[in-house]
Amino acid sequence: TFYFAGDTGYNDVDFKSIGNTWKGIDLSLIPIGAYMPQVFMNPDHISPEEAVRIHNDVGSKLSVGMHFGTFRLSDEELMRPSYDLSMELSKKQIEPKFFRTLAHGYEINW
């Protein structure tokens, strides 16, 4: 099963419901960019911390971060979301191989 999160704010009810409905999501594309300042961006964009919550809530086996590193749409630096994601994964003791970011043009097989 493939899950595309699109542009979204975070709430645990909806994402846990998705995880309960679609058990065994193999791959998720989850946005990690355009989140600063959070007070303004929060309704429509999530931080890397919230992206990790979504990864866990939907029960994704593998997630790939998207919506960062191409255009500066908010206050964080272009590649800051990738760094913040790696810090959050470390904090939550999730191996980076389960939630990855890809360089432009890079592909994965799963």
Foldseek 3Di string as FASTA:
>chain_A
DEEEPAFAADDLVVLLVLLVVDPPAAEYEAEADDCPPVVPRRGGHDHLLRSVVSCVSNVYQAYEYDDAQDDPPYDDDRCVSQVVNVVNCVVVVHDQRRYDYDDPPDDDDD
